[in-house]
Protein backbone atom coordinates (compact mmCIF):
# COMPACT_ATOMS: atom_id res chain seq x y z
CA MET A 1 6.38 -11.12 -17.83
CA ARG A 2 7.59 -14.73 -18.55
CA LYS A 3 5.51 -17.79 -18.91
CA ARG A 4 6.43 -21.41 -18.05
CA PHE A 5 4.60 -24.21 -19.86
CA ILE A 6 4.56 -27.96 -18.98
CA ILE A 7 3.94 -30.77 -21.32
CA ALA A 8 3.31 -34.11 -19.62
CA LEU A 9 2.43 -37.68 -20.72
CA LEU A 10 3.04 -36.73 -24.35
CA THR A 11 4.66 -39.73 -26.25
CA VAL A 12 5.71 -38.99 -29.81
CA SER A 13 7.52 -41.18 -32.33
CA VAL A 14 9.82 -39.04 -34.33
CA LEU A 15 10.92 -40.56 -37.71
CA GLY A 16 13.25 -39.17 -40.28
CA LEU A 17 16.02 -36.50 -40.23
CA THR A 18 16.04 -32.71 -40.80
CA GLY A 19 14.85 -32.20 -44.42
CA CYS A 20 16.44 -30.03 -47.14
CA THR A 21 15.55 -26.35 -47.25
CA ALA A 22 14.66 -26.63 -50.93
CA VAL A 23 11.86 -28.75 -52.15
CA ASN A 24 12.75 -31.16 -55.05
CA ARG A 25 9.30 -32.07 -56.31
CA SER A 26 10.70 -34.76 -58.72
CA LYS A 27 12.55 -36.74 -55.99
CA GLY A 28 10.86 -35.26 -52.87
CA VAL A 29 12.39 -33.47 -49.87
CA PHE A 30 13.68 -34.86 -46.79
CA VAL A 31 11.34 -33.89 -43.86
CA ASP A 32 10.91 -34.59 -40.07
CA THR A 33 7.87 -36.70 -39.25
CA LEU A 34 6.17 -37.85 -36.15
CA ILE A 35 3.26 -40.15 -35.35
CA VAL A 36 0.29 -38.41 -33.74
CA SER A 37 -0.24 -39.72 -30.11
CA LYS A 38 -2.24 -38.69 -27.02
CA GLY A 39 -0.88 -36.80 -24.08
CA ALA A 40 -1.70 -33.86 -21.66
CA ILE A 41 -0.92 -30.18 -21.77
CA VAL A 42 -0.74 -28.09 -18.57
CA LYS A 43 -0.70 -24.30 -19.30
CA GLU A 44 0.69 -21.90 -16.64
CA VAL A 45 1.12 -18.10 -16.39
CA ARG A 46 4.07 -16.76 -14.51
CA VAL A 47 3.83 -13.55 -12.60
CA ALA A 48 6.16 -11.52 -10.46
CA GLY A 49 5.16 -9.87 -7.30
CA GLY A 50 5.68 -9.69 -3.52
CA VAL A 51 4.65 -11.20 -0.24
CA GLU A 52 2.32 -9.19 1.89
CA ALA A 53 0.49 -9.82 5.23
CA VAL A 54 -3.28 -10.76 5.01
CA ASP A 55 -3.92 -7.63 7.04
CA HIS A 56 -2.01 -4.70 8.48
CA GLU A 57 -2.37 -1.45 10.39
CA GLU A 58 -0.31 1.69 10.02
CA ILE A 59 -0.87 4.14 12.94
CA ARG A 60 0.51 7.81 12.26
CA ILE A 61 1.00 9.88 15.41
CA ASP A 62 0.49 13.61 15.37
CA PRO A 63 3.69 15.49 15.74
CA GLY A 64 4.69 17.59 18.73
CA LEU A 65 3.34 15.05 21.39
CA LYS A 66 5.60 13.75 24.20
CA VAL A 67 5.83 9.88 24.43
CA LEU A 68 5.14 9.16 28.11
CA LYS A 69 5.51 5.26 28.02
CA LEU A 70 6.14 2.71 25.47
CA HIS A 71 4.31 -0.67 26.08
CA VAL A 72 5.80 -2.59 23.23
CA SER A 73 8.90 -2.91 21.13
CA GLU A 74 9.63 -3.81 17.43
CA ASN A 75 9.24 -7.31 16.57
CA GLN A 76 6.94 -7.96 19.60
CA VAL A 77 3.91 -10.21 19.01
CA ILE A 78 0.80 -8.42 20.35
CA ASP A 79 -3.02 -9.04 20.74
CA LYS A 80 -5.79 -7.15 19.38
CA GLY A 81 -6.74 -3.99 21.51
CA GLN A 82 -3.23 -4.14 23.30
CA VAL A 83 -2.01 -0.67 24.37
CA LEU A 84 1.19 0.34 22.24
CA VAL A 85 1.95 3.73 23.59
CA GLU A 86 0.90 6.47 26.03
CA LEU A 87 1.20 10.11 24.88
CA ASP A 88 1.07 13.32 26.80
CA SER A 89 -2.57 14.73 27.04
CA ASP A 90 -2.57 17.35 29.73
CA ASP A 91 -2.91 20.28 27.32
CA ALA A 92 -5.90 18.49 25.62
CA ALA A 93 -7.42 17.92 28.91
CA ILE A 94 -7.25 21.54 30.00
CA GLN A 95 -8.74 22.65 26.61
CA LEU A 96 -11.53 20.16 26.83
CA GLU A 97 -12.48 21.51 30.37
CA LYS A 98 -12.71 25.02 29.05
CA VAL A 99 -14.75 23.96 26.09
CA GLU A 100 -17.17 22.05 28.21
CA ILE A 101 -17.80 25.15 30.44
CA ASN A 102 -18.46 27.33 27.23
CA LEU A 103 -20.77 24.64 25.95
CA GLU A 104 -22.78 24.50 29.18
CA GLN A 105 -23.08 28.32 29.16
CA LEU A 106 -24.41 28.33 25.53
CA GLN A 107 -26.81 25.52 26.29
CA GLN A 108 -28.19 27.49 29.26
CA GLU A 109 -28.58 30.64 26.97
CA MET A 110 -30.36 28.45 24.38
CA LYS A 111 -32.82 27.28 27.03
CA GLU A 112 -33.55 30.78 28.09
CA LEU A 113 -34.29 31.84 24.53
CA LYS A 114 -36.75 28.94 24.09
CA GLU A 115 -38.24 28.92 27.47
CA PRO A 116 -37.54 32.21 29.38
CA GLU A 117 -37.69 31.79 33.18
CA THR A 118 -37.83 35.73 33.70
CA VAL A 119 -39.66 38.58 32.20
CA SER A 120 -36.99 38.99 29.69
CA GLY A 121 -39.03 37.35 26.73
CA ARG A 122 -42.14 38.36 24.96
CA GLN A 123 -43.73 39.63 28.15
CA ALA A 124 -40.94 42.20 28.65
CA VAL A 125 -41.46 43.51 25.04
CA VAL A 126 -45.13 43.77 25.64
CA ASN A 127 -44.46 45.68 28.91
CA ARG A 128 -42.12 48.10 27.25
CA LEU A 129 -44.74 48.90 24.55
CA THR A 130 -47.50 49.37 27.04
CA LYS A 131 -45.29 51.68 29.10
CA ALA A 132 -44.27 53.79 26.02
CA GLU A 133 -47.96 54.00 24.96
CA ILE A 134 -49.02 55.30 28.57
CA ILE A 135 -46.18 57.82 28.68
CA TYR A 136 -47.00 59.13 25.20
CA LYS A 137 -50.65 59.38 25.89
CA SER A 138 -50.02 61.18 29.28
CA LEU A 139 -47.73 63.71 27.64
CA GLU A 140 -50.14 64.19 24.98
CA ARG A 141 -52.85 65.06 27.40
CA LYS A 142 -50.49 67.22 29.41
CA LEU A 143 -49.45 69.14 26.30
CA SER A 144 -53.12 69.83 25.46
CA GLU A 145 -53.80 71.10 28.94
CA GLN A 146 -50.71 73.32 29.07
CA SER A 147 -51.56 74.74 25.67
CA GLU A 148 -55.03 75.86 27.05
CA LYS A 149 -53.09 77.44 30.04
CA VAL A 150 -50.94 79.33 27.63
CA LYS A 151 -53.91 80.78 25.97
CA GLU A 152 -55.56 81.83 29.25
CA ALA A 153 -52.23 83.46 30.39
CA GLN A 154 -52.18 85.21 27.02
CA VAL A 155 -55.54 86.86 27.65
CA LEU A 156 -54.57 87.80 31.28
CA PHE A 157 -51.18 89.17 30.23
CA GLY A 158 -52.91 91.27 27.50
CA GLY A 159 -55.41 92.64 29.92
CA GLY A 160 -52.61 93.50 32.57
CA GLY A 161 -53.70 90.79 35.06
CA LEU A 162 -50.47 88.64 34.60
CA SER A 163 -46.91 89.65 34.57
CA GLU A 164 -44.69 88.98 31.55
CA ASN A 165 -42.45 86.55 33.51
CA ASP A 166 -45.44 84.46 34.53
CA TYR A 167 -46.76 84.49 31.02
CA LYS A 168 -43.32 83.39 29.73
CA ALA A 169 -43.11 80.61 32.41
CA GLN A 170 -46.42 79.01 31.12
CA ILE A 171 -45.01 78.98 27.68
CA SER A 172 -41.66 77.32 28.75
CA ILE A 173 -43.65 74.55 30.53
CA ARG A 174 -45.61 73.91 27.33
CA ASP A 175 -42.45 73.71 25.23
CA ASP A 176 -40.78 71.37 27.75
CA ILE A 177 -43.68 69.00 27.54
CA SER A 178 -43.67 69.20 23.71
CA GLU A 179 -40.02 68.13 23.72
CA GLN A 180 -40.83 65.33 26.12
CA LEU A 181 -43.76 64.32 23.84
CA ILE A 182 -41.40 64.00 20.78
CA GLU A 183 -39.00 61.78 22.80
CA ALA A 184 -41.84 59.60 24.00
CA GLU A 185 -43.13 59.29 20.50
CA VAL A 186 -39.53 57.86 19.39
CA ASP A 187 -39.62 55.41 22.35
CA LEU A 188 -43.24 54.30 21.23
CA ILE A 189 -42.19 53.76 17.70
CA ASN A 190 -39.12 51.64 18.74
CA ALA A 191 -41.25 49.75 21.25
CA ARG A 192 -43.76 48.79 18.58
CA ASN A 193 -40.85 47.87 16.12
CA GLU A 194 -39.46 45.69 18.84
CA TYR A 195 -42.83 43.96 19.40
CA GLN A 196 -43.38 43.43 15.72
CA ASP A 197 -39.85 42.00 15.14
CA TYR A 198 -39.68 39.93 18.33
CA ASP A 199 -40.45 36.51 16.84
CA ILE A 200 -38.07 37.09 13.92
CA ASN A 201 -35.36 38.29 16.19
CA LYS A 202 -35.94 35.29 18.49
CA ILE A 203 -35.58 32.85 15.60
CA MET A 204 -32.30 34.62 14.37
CA LYS A 205 -30.98 34.49 17.99
CA ILE A 206 -31.73 30.83 18.35
CA GLN A 207 -30.16 29.98 14.97
CA GLU A 208 -26.98 31.94 15.91
CA LYS A 209 -26.85 30.23 19.26
CA MET A 210 -27.21 26.69 17.48
CA ARG A 211 -24.27 27.58 15.30
CA GLN A 212 -22.27 28.52 18.29
CA ILE A 213 -23.09 25.33 20.09
CA ALA A 214 -22.30 23.12 16.91
CA ALA A 215 -18.90 24.83 16.67
CA VAL A 216 -18.08 24.25 20.30
CA ASN A 217 -19.31 20.63 19.96
CA ALA A 218 -16.94 20.16 17.05
CA ASP A 219 -14.15 21.39 19.21
CA ARG A 220 -15.05 19.18 21.97
CA LYS A 221 -15.20 16.00 19.68
CA SER A 222 -11.80 16.78 18.31
CA LEU A 223 -10.37 17.22 21.85
CA VAL A 224 -12.13 13.93 23.07
CA LYS A 225 -10.55 12.12 20.12
CA LYS A 226 -7.17 13.66 20.95
CA LEU A 227 -7.47 12.36 24.43
CA GLU A 228 -8.60 8.82 23.28
CA ASP A 229 -5.69 8.94 20.75
CA SER A 230 -3.28 9.49 23.58
CA ILE A 231 -3.70 5.88 24.54
CA VAL A 232 -2.82 4.28 21.30
CA LYS A 233 -3.97 0.60 20.84
CA SER A 234 -3.77 -1.91 17.98
CA SER A 235 -6.90 -2.86 16.12
CA ILE A 236 -5.43 -6.21 14.95
CA ALA A 237 -3.34 -9.03 16.31
CA GLY A 238 0.05 -9.48 14.84
CA LYS A 239 3.73 -8.35 15.03
CA VAL A 240 4.99 -4.74 15.56
CA VAL A 241 7.32 -4.21 12.56
CA GLN A 242 7.86 -0.51 13.01
CA LEU A 243 8.02 1.81 16.04
CA SER A 244 9.65 4.98 14.78
CA PHE A 245 9.95 7.04 18.22
CA LYS A 246 11.21 6.64 21.69
CA GLU A 247 9.98 7.09 25.15
CA GLY A 248 10.42 10.53 26.65
CA ARG A 249 11.05 12.16 23.05
CA MET A 250 8.69 14.31 21.21
CA THR A 251 6.88 12.88 18.12
CA ASP A 252 7.56 14.28 14.64
CA GLU A 253 6.06 13.92 11.11
CA LYS A 254 7.62 10.48 10.71
CA SER A 255 6.27 8.98 13.94
CA THR A 256 4.54 5.73 12.87
CA ILE A 257 3.53 2.37 14.25
CA ARG A 258 3.07 -0.58 11.84
CA VAL A 259 1.64 -3.80 12.77
CA PHE A 260 1.43 -6.98 10.44
CA ASP A 261 -0.99 -9.70 11.05
CA THR A 262 1.38 -12.73 10.40
CA THR A 263 -1.21 -15.32 10.76
CA GLY A 264 -1.39 -15.53 7.03
CA TYR A 265 0.19 -14.13 3.87
CA ILE A 266 -0.88 -13.14 0.37
CA PHE A 267 1.19 -12.75 -2.87
CA LYS A 268 0.25 -9.61 -4.77
CA ALA A 269 1.19 -8.97 -8.39
CA SER A 270 0.09 -7.14 -11.49
CA VAL A 271 -0.41 -9.15 -14.75
CA ILE A 272 -0.71 -8.00 -18.30
CA GLN A 273 -4.10 -8.06 -19.89
CA GLU A 274 -3.34 -11.00 -22.30
CA ASP A 275 -2.63 -13.24 -19.26
CA ALA A 276 -5.23 -11.63 -17.03
CA VAL A 277 -8.22 -12.83 -19.20
CA LEU A 278 -7.06 -16.55 -18.46
CA ILE A 279 -6.83 -16.13 -14.70
CA LYS A 280 -9.81 -17.07 -12.52
CA LYS A 281 -10.56 -17.21 -8.84
CA GLY A 282 -9.75 -20.72 -7.43
CA GLN A 283 -6.93 -21.50 -9.82
CA THR A 284 -4.02 -23.19 -8.04
CA ALA A 285 -0.60 -21.84 -8.08
CA VAL A 286 2.91 -22.57 -6.92
CA ILE A 287 4.85 -19.61 -5.36
CA ARG A 288 8.59 -19.28 -5.05
CA LEU A 289 10.50 -16.76 -3.05
CA LYS A 290 13.32 -15.25 -5.27
CA GLY A 291 16.77 -16.47 -4.46
CA LEU A 292 15.56 -19.09 -2.13
CA ASP A 293 14.88 -22.85 -2.60
CA ARG A 294 11.27 -22.52 -1.33
CA GLU A 295 8.01 -23.34 -3.03
CA TYR A 296 4.61 -22.79 -1.47
CA ASP A 297 1.08 -23.83 -2.58
CA GLY A 298 -1.24 -21.02 -3.42
CA VAL A 299 -4.72 -20.31 -4.85
CA VAL A 300 -6.06 -17.24 -6.79
CA ALA A 301 -8.09 -15.32 -4.06
CA ASP A 302 -8.88 -12.23 -5.98
CA ILE A 303 -8.48 -10.49 -9.29
CA LYS A 304 -9.59 -7.06 -10.02
CA PRO A 305 -12.29 -6.50 -12.47
CA PHE A 306 -10.42 -3.53 -14.12
CA ALA A 307 -7.01 -2.81 -15.52
CA VAL A 308 -4.72 0.17 -14.93
CA MET A 309 -1.51 1.53 -16.41
CA ASP A 310 1.51 0.96 -14.26
CA GLN A 311 2.85 4.41 -13.59
CA THR A 312 6.21 2.97 -12.41
CA SER A 313 6.89 1.25 -15.72
CA ALA A 314 7.72 2.51 -19.05
CA SER A 315 5.49 -0.05 -20.57
CA ARG A 316 1.99 1.28 -21.57
CA THR A 317 0.38 -2.12 -21.40
CA PRO A 318 -2.63 -2.16 -19.06
CA LYS A 319 -2.25 -4.64 -16.03
CA VAL A 320 -4.68 -6.21 -13.70
CA GLU A 321 -3.90 -6.64 -10.06
CA LEU A 322 -4.33 -10.07 -8.52
CA GLU A 323 -3.87 -11.84 -5.00
CA LEU A 324 -2.68 -15.33 -4.37
CA GLU A 325 -3.50 -16.80 -0.87
CA PHE A 326 -0.77 -18.96 0.58
CA ARG A 327 -2.05 -22.46 1.38
CA SER A 328 1.28 -23.35 2.99
CA LYS A 329 3.78 -21.42 4.83
CA ASP A 330 6.96 -21.66 6.94
CA GLU A 331 9.39 -19.37 8.97
CA SER A 332 11.05 -18.29 5.70
CA LEU A 333 8.06 -16.17 4.68
CA THR A 334 8.53 -12.55 5.35
CA VAL A 335 6.43 -9.48 4.42
CA GLY A 336 8.17 -7.59 1.64
CA PHE A 337 9.90 -10.59 0.01
CA ASP A 338 10.11 -10.76 -3.77
CA ALA A 339 8.53 -13.80 -5.29
CA GLU A 340 7.06 -15.28 -8.42
CA ALA A 341 4.19 -17.67 -8.99
CA ASP A 342 3.15 -19.94 -11.78
CA ILE A 343 -0.63 -19.98 -12.04
CA MET A 344 -2.31 -23.12 -13.52
CA VAL A 345 -4.81 -21.63 -16.04
CA GLY A 346 -5.65 -24.71 -18.10
CA LYS A 347 -5.11 -28.46 -18.21
CA VAL A 348 -6.31 -31.12 -20.71
CA SER A 349 -5.45 -34.88 -20.53
CA GLU A 350 -5.90 -37.77 -23.08
CA ILE A 351 -5.95 -35.35 -25.97
CA LEU A 352 -4.11 -35.17 -29.33
CA ALA A 353 -1.07 -32.93 -28.87
CA ILE A 354 1.50 -31.95 -31.59
CA PRO A 355 4.34 -29.50 -31.74
CA ARG A 356 3.33 -25.89 -32.54
CA GLU A 357 5.88 -25.90 -35.35
CA ALA A 358 3.71 -28.52 -37.10
CA LEU A 359 1.03 -26.06 -37.83
CA ARG A 360 0.76 -23.94 -40.82
CA LYS A 361 -1.81 -21.48 -42.08
CA ASP A 362 -3.46 -21.73 -45.47
CA ARG A 363 -4.42 -18.80 -47.83
CA ASP A 364 -7.70 -18.33 -45.80
CA GLY A 365 -5.90 -18.33 -42.39
CA GLN A 366 -7.05 -21.79 -41.53
CA SER A 367 -4.73 -23.87 -39.44
CA ILE A 368 -3.46 -26.94 -41.40
CA VAL A 369 -1.32 -30.00 -40.70
CA TYR A 370 0.47 -31.90 -43.49
CA VAL A 371 -0.27 -35.71 -43.21
CA VAL A 372 2.06 -38.05 -45.09
CA GLU A 373 0.08 -40.50 -47.31
CA ALA A 374 1.76 -42.89 -49.82
CA GLY A 375 4.83 -40.64 -49.90
CA ARG A 376 3.05 -37.34 -50.55
CA VAL A 377 1.83 -34.83 -48.19
CA LYS A 378 -1.84 -33.98 -47.70
CA ALA A 379 -2.94 -30.67 -46.03
CA HIS A 380 -5.61 -31.30 -43.30
CA SER A 381 -7.55 -28.48 -41.78
CA VAL A 382 -7.57 -28.78 -38.05
CA THR A 383 -9.39 -27.34 -35.00
CA THR A 384 -7.05 -26.36 -32.09
CA GLY A 385 -7.56 -25.91 -28.46
CA LEU A 386 -5.24 -25.32 -25.41
CA PHE A 387 -1.67 -24.62 -26.25
CA ASP A 388 1.50 -23.65 -24.46
CA ASP A 389 4.86 -22.53 -25.81
CA TYR A 390 5.73 -25.92 -27.39
CA TYR A 391 2.53 -28.00 -27.91
CA VAL A 392 -1.06 -27.41 -29.14
CA GLU A 393 -4.13 -29.50 -28.61
CA VAL A 394 -5.76 -30.71 -31.83
CA LYS A 395 -9.54 -31.37 -31.43
CA SER A 396 -10.31 -32.37 -34.95
CA GLY A 397 -8.82 -32.74 -38.37
CA ILE A 398 -6.27 -35.63 -37.72
CA SER A 399 -6.34 -38.91 -35.77
CA GLU A 400 -4.15 -40.76 -33.47
CA GLY A 401 -1.50 -42.82 -35.16
CA GLN A 402 -1.29 -40.66 -38.31
CA LEU A 403 2.07 -39.61 -39.64
CA ILE A 404 2.42 -35.86 -39.89
CA LEU A 405 5.30 -33.37 -40.71
CA SER A 406 6.70 -31.94 -37.47
CA ASN A 407 8.11 -28.81 -38.93
CA PRO A 408 7.08 -28.55 -42.64
CA PRO A 409 9.18 -26.29 -45.04
CA GLU A 410 7.50 -23.06 -45.89
CA GLU A 411 7.86 -23.93 -49.68
CA LEU A 412 6.04 -27.30 -49.28
CA LYS A 413 2.69 -27.68 -51.13
CA ASP A 414 -0.19 -29.93 -50.89
CA GLY A 415 0.47 -33.13 -52.90
CA ASP A 416 4.46 -32.77 -52.87
CA LEU A 417 6.52 -35.91 -52.63
CA VAL A 418 8.53 -36.20 -49.41
CA ARG A 419 11.28 -38.48 -48.18
CA TYR A 420 11.88 -39.32 -44.56
CA GLU A 421 13.94 -42.06 -42.72
CA GLN A 422 12.18 -45.25 -41.97
CA ARG A 423 12.98 -46.74 -38.55
């Protein structure tokens, strides 16, 4: 990413000619000098990005639907809530009708489970238990009575007072009653179990019915949405920039409607971390469309609080996404255009500014400037401030009007003789 830096109002007096590369300490070395004066430094960060709409909507249409009617065309300006297209919804309407009938039936069954209107609830279970108990006791009594009759018939048969057939008939009646009693006992056990499990079974049935109702409701909700979606509307005002299907045709996986809000534009870009730390909301910028002689005023509207790696670039430098808001616009602005912007990240006026080449570092890493005093150079430690590619602000260490070396040779040392052209 390139940077552009501006230096304004900086007046320097350059005296002398380019010096020798070797230092002759007995005669002095020719050097370039300048007189320190005041000026201004404007620092900018240049970023590359693209033009986007302030808002947009992308509507994807389900495949396999017939387009009944198109209400708009590409490049048409539309209002918020305007109908864009009508899709065939007959199949969904039929399915919804079936689902609602099923839902009504399930709800009626649930009501019957909770508040039975017939004797099919708890009372029916009680009635079945009572009936089973009566039958069992009745058969138990009959079996006892018939067993006594068998004993009497046995005595008569032994004394010759009863035929063998009659005696066997009494035994057969007893055995039949005994079998009936066994069956009645099974019915009684089942009735008692049903009575004991009634509340648990009822809860389980209610829970199962609730699950069925929930599933049908989900189907109904999906179908209702499908019917609503058959009338496609825009949720924003703007321009239709893409309409990828035709009236009377079936939709497919690529069927899409895109609407851009063209009432405003933003410039979006990613900036390397070294520049991102300098950019703040509210900073002004100049935005230019690539290849066109157009400039627009802008302002930093948003800068993300995190950095990410650009997966489309070979660079592994973290970048931060930012947005600039266009403060001016014209008919040349179009979504998708490549652009670049110069963001003003710093500005100082009426300060001492010197070329960055005038700075050197001493052994301790302190910035120094060589001041010419009586034909010799004197190293002055300086405190620097804002800088660009060419100039740097000096906050302390030298004064306005002092003569300094504009690009001191590396071999030069504190106290060396120097020569420079007087003008």
